């Protein structure tokens, strides 16, 4: 993959580091905790989608 494309759409080095840290934390969770965390993450992703849709709809891009 093109390096410029990857840096634009991929994760930054800082984000990759955070992802590795979270991965280690998740490895130590039991199944119930993992399911609860997954649902919480999905909820925040949906809220983020709503915010983006609102901003696109109500932002005047002149």
N, C-alpha and C. Protein backbone atom coordinates (compact mmCIF):
# COMPACT_ATOMS: atom_id res chain seq x y z
N UNK A 1 0.84 -1.18 0.00
CA UNK A 1 0.00 0.00 0.00
C UNK A 1 0.89 1.24 0.00
N UNK A 2 0.46 2.25 -0.69
CA UNK A 2 1.18 3.51 -0.77
C UNK A 2 1.32 4.12 0.62
N UNK A 3 2.54 4.56 0.95
CA UNK A 3 2.80 5.11 2.29
C UNK A 3 1.95 6.35 2.58
N UNK A 4 1.81 7.24 1.61
CA UNK A 4 0.99 8.44 1.81
C UNK A 4 -0.47 8.07 2.04
N UNK A 5 -0.97 7.12 1.27
CA UNK A 5 -2.35 6.65 1.42
C UNK A 5 -2.53 6.05 2.80
N UNK A 6 -1.59 5.23 3.23
CA UNK A 6 -1.69 4.58 4.53
C UNK A 6 -1.64 5.60 5.66
N UNK A 7 -0.79 6.61 5.55
CA UNK A 7 -0.72 7.61 6.61
C UNK A 7 -1.97 8.48 6.64
N UNK A 8 -2.63 8.63 5.49
CA UNK A 8 -3.85 9.44 5.44
C UNK A 8 -5.04 8.67 6.00
N UNK A 9 -5.19 7.42 5.61
CA UNK A 9 -6.36 6.65 6.04
C UNK A 9 -6.05 5.63 7.13
N UNK A 10 -4.80 5.32 7.33
CA UNK A 10 -4.42 4.34 8.34
C UNK A 10 -4.29 4.97 9.71
N UNK A 11 -3.73 4.22 10.62
CA UNK A 11 -3.53 4.70 11.98
C UNK A 11 -2.19 5.40 12.10
N UNK A 12 -2.17 6.42 12.94
CA UNK A 12 -0.89 7.08 13.24
C UNK A 12 -0.09 6.16 14.16
N UNK A 13 1.16 6.48 14.33
CA UNK A 13 2.02 5.69 15.23
C UNK A 13 1.46 5.72 16.65
N UNK A 14 0.99 6.87 17.07
CA UNK A 14 0.40 6.99 18.41
C UNK A 14 -0.85 6.12 18.54
N UNK A 15 -1.68 6.09 17.50
CA UNK A 15 -2.89 5.27 17.52
C UNK A 15 -2.53 3.78 17.53
N UNK A 16 -1.51 3.40 16.77
CA UNK A 16 -1.06 2.00 16.77
C UNK A 16 -0.59 1.60 18.16
N UNK A 17 0.11 2.49 18.84
CA UNK A 17 0.59 2.23 20.19
C UNK A 17 -0.59 2.05 21.15
N UNK A 18 -1.58 2.94 21.07
CA UNK A 18 -2.77 2.83 21.92
C UNK A 18 -3.51 1.52 21.65
N UNK A 19 -3.61 1.15 20.39
CA UNK A 19 -4.28 -0.09 20.02
C UNK A 19 -3.58 -1.29 20.65
N UNK A 20 -2.27 -1.30 20.64
CA UNK A 20 -1.50 -2.38 21.25
C UNK A 20 -1.75 -2.44 22.75
N UNK A 21 -1.79 -1.27 23.40
CA UNK A 21 -2.06 -1.24 24.84
C UNK A 21 -3.46 -1.78 25.15
N UNK A 22 -4.46 -1.34 24.38
CA UNK A 22 -5.83 -1.82 24.59
C UNK A 22 -5.94 -3.31 24.32
N UNK A 23 -5.19 -3.79 23.34
CA UNK A 23 -5.20 -5.21 23.03
C UNK A 23 -4.71 -6.03 24.23
N UNK A 24 -3.68 -5.54 24.89
CA UNK A 24 -3.16 -6.23 26.07
C UNK A 24 -4.17 -6.20 27.21
N UNK A 25 -4.88 -5.09 27.35
CA UNK A 25 -5.90 -4.99 28.40
C UNK A 25 -7.04 -5.96 28.12
N UNK A 26 -7.49 -6.01 26.87
CA UNK A 26 -8.61 -6.89 26.49
C UNK A 26 -8.24 -8.35 26.69
N UNK A 27 -6.99 -8.69 26.46
CA UNK A 27 -6.54 -10.08 26.65
C UNK A 27 -6.77 -10.55 28.08
N UNK A 28 -6.79 -9.62 29.02
CA UNK A 28 -6.95 -9.98 30.43
C UNK A 28 -8.40 -9.95 30.90
N UNK A 29 -9.33 -9.63 30.03
CA UNK A 29 -10.75 -9.59 30.40
C UNK A 29 -11.38 -10.97 30.22
N UNK A 30 -12.39 -11.24 31.03
CA UNK A 30 -13.15 -12.48 30.82
C UNK A 30 -14.19 -12.24 29.72
N UNK A 31 -14.87 -13.29 29.31
CA UNK A 31 -15.81 -13.20 28.18
C UNK A 31 -16.94 -12.20 28.44
N UNK A 32 -17.47 -12.20 29.65
CA UNK A 32 -18.56 -11.27 29.98
C UNK A 32 -18.08 -9.82 29.88
N UNK A 33 -16.89 -9.55 30.37
CA UNK A 33 -16.33 -8.20 30.30
C UNK A 33 -16.07 -7.80 28.84
N UNK A 34 -15.60 -8.75 28.04
CA UNK A 34 -15.34 -8.47 26.62
C UNK A 34 -16.63 -8.14 25.89
N UNK A 35 -17.70 -8.88 26.17
CA UNK A 35 -18.99 -8.61 25.52
C UNK A 35 -19.52 -7.23 25.92
N UNK A 36 -19.40 -6.90 27.20
CA UNK A 36 -19.86 -5.60 27.68
C UNK A 36 -19.06 -4.47 27.03
N UNK A 37 -17.76 -4.66 26.92
CA UNK A 37 -16.90 -3.66 26.29
C UNK A 37 -17.24 -3.50 24.82
N UNK A 38 -17.47 -4.61 24.13
CA UNK A 38 -17.82 -4.56 22.71
C UNK A 38 -19.11 -3.78 22.50
N UNK A 39 -20.12 -4.04 23.31
CA UNK A 39 -21.38 -3.31 23.18
C UNK A 39 -21.21 -1.83 23.46
N UNK A 40 -20.38 -1.50 24.44
CA UNK A 40 -20.12 -0.09 24.76
C UNK A 40 -19.41 0.60 23.59
N UNK A 41 -18.46 -0.08 22.99
CA UNK A 41 -17.74 0.48 21.84
C UNK A 41 -18.69 0.68 20.67
N UNK A 42 -19.54 -0.29 20.41
CA UNK A 42 -20.51 -0.17 19.31
C UNK A 42 -21.47 0.99 19.55
N UNK A 43 -21.88 1.17 20.80
CA UNK A 43 -22.76 2.29 21.14
C UNK A 43 -22.08 3.62 20.80
N UNK A 44 -20.81 3.77 21.19
CA UNK A 44 -20.09 5.01 20.91
C UNK A 44 -19.84 5.20 19.42
N UNK A 45 -19.66 4.12 18.69
CA UNK A 45 -19.50 4.23 17.23
C UNK A 45 -20.78 4.74 16.59
N UNK A 46 -21.92 4.25 17.05
CA UNK A 46 -23.21 4.70 16.53
C UNK A 46 -23.45 6.17 16.88
N UNK A 47 -23.11 6.55 18.11
CA UNK A 47 -23.23 7.96 18.49
C UNK A 47 -22.33 8.84 17.63
N UNK A 48 -21.14 8.37 17.35
CA UNK A 48 -20.21 9.10 16.49
C UNK A 48 -20.80 9.26 15.09
N UNK A 49 -21.42 8.20 14.57
CA UNK A 49 -22.08 8.28 13.26
C UNK A 49 -23.17 9.36 13.28
N UNK A 50 -23.95 9.39 14.35
CA UNK A 50 -25.02 10.40 14.46
C UNK A 50 -24.45 11.81 14.48
N UNK A 51 -23.36 12.00 15.19
CA UNK A 51 -22.73 13.32 15.25
C UNK A 51 -22.24 13.73 13.86
N UNK A 52 -21.58 12.82 13.16
CA UNK A 52 -21.09 13.13 11.82
C UNK A 52 -22.24 13.45 10.86
N UNK A 53 -23.31 12.67 10.93
CA UNK A 53 -24.47 12.93 10.07
C UNK A 53 -25.07 14.31 10.37
N UNK A 54 -25.16 14.65 11.66
CA UNK A 54 -25.68 15.96 12.05
C UNK A 54 -24.80 17.07 11.51
N UNK A 55 -23.49 16.94 11.68
CA UNK A 55 -22.56 17.96 11.21
C UNK A 55 -22.62 18.13 9.70
N UNK A 56 -22.73 17.03 8.99
CA UNK A 56 -22.83 17.09 7.53
C UNK A 56 -24.12 17.78 7.12
N UNK A 57 -25.21 17.43 7.81
CA UNK A 57 -26.51 17.98 7.45
C UNK A 57 -26.62 19.47 7.77
N UNK A 58 -26.06 19.90 8.90
CA UNK A 58 -26.28 21.27 9.36
C UNK A 58 -25.07 22.19 9.23
N UNK A 59 -24.02 21.73 8.61
CA UNK A 59 -22.86 22.59 8.39
C UNK A 59 -22.94 23.17 6.99
N UNK A 60 -22.85 24.47 6.91
CA UNK A 60 -22.89 25.15 5.62
C UNK A 60 -21.47 25.18 5.06
N UNK A 61 -21.24 24.44 4.00
CA UNK A 61 -19.90 24.33 3.43
C UNK A 61 -19.72 25.24 2.22
N UNK A 62 -19.86 26.53 2.43
CA UNK A 62 -19.68 27.49 1.33
C UNK A 62 -18.27 27.98 1.26
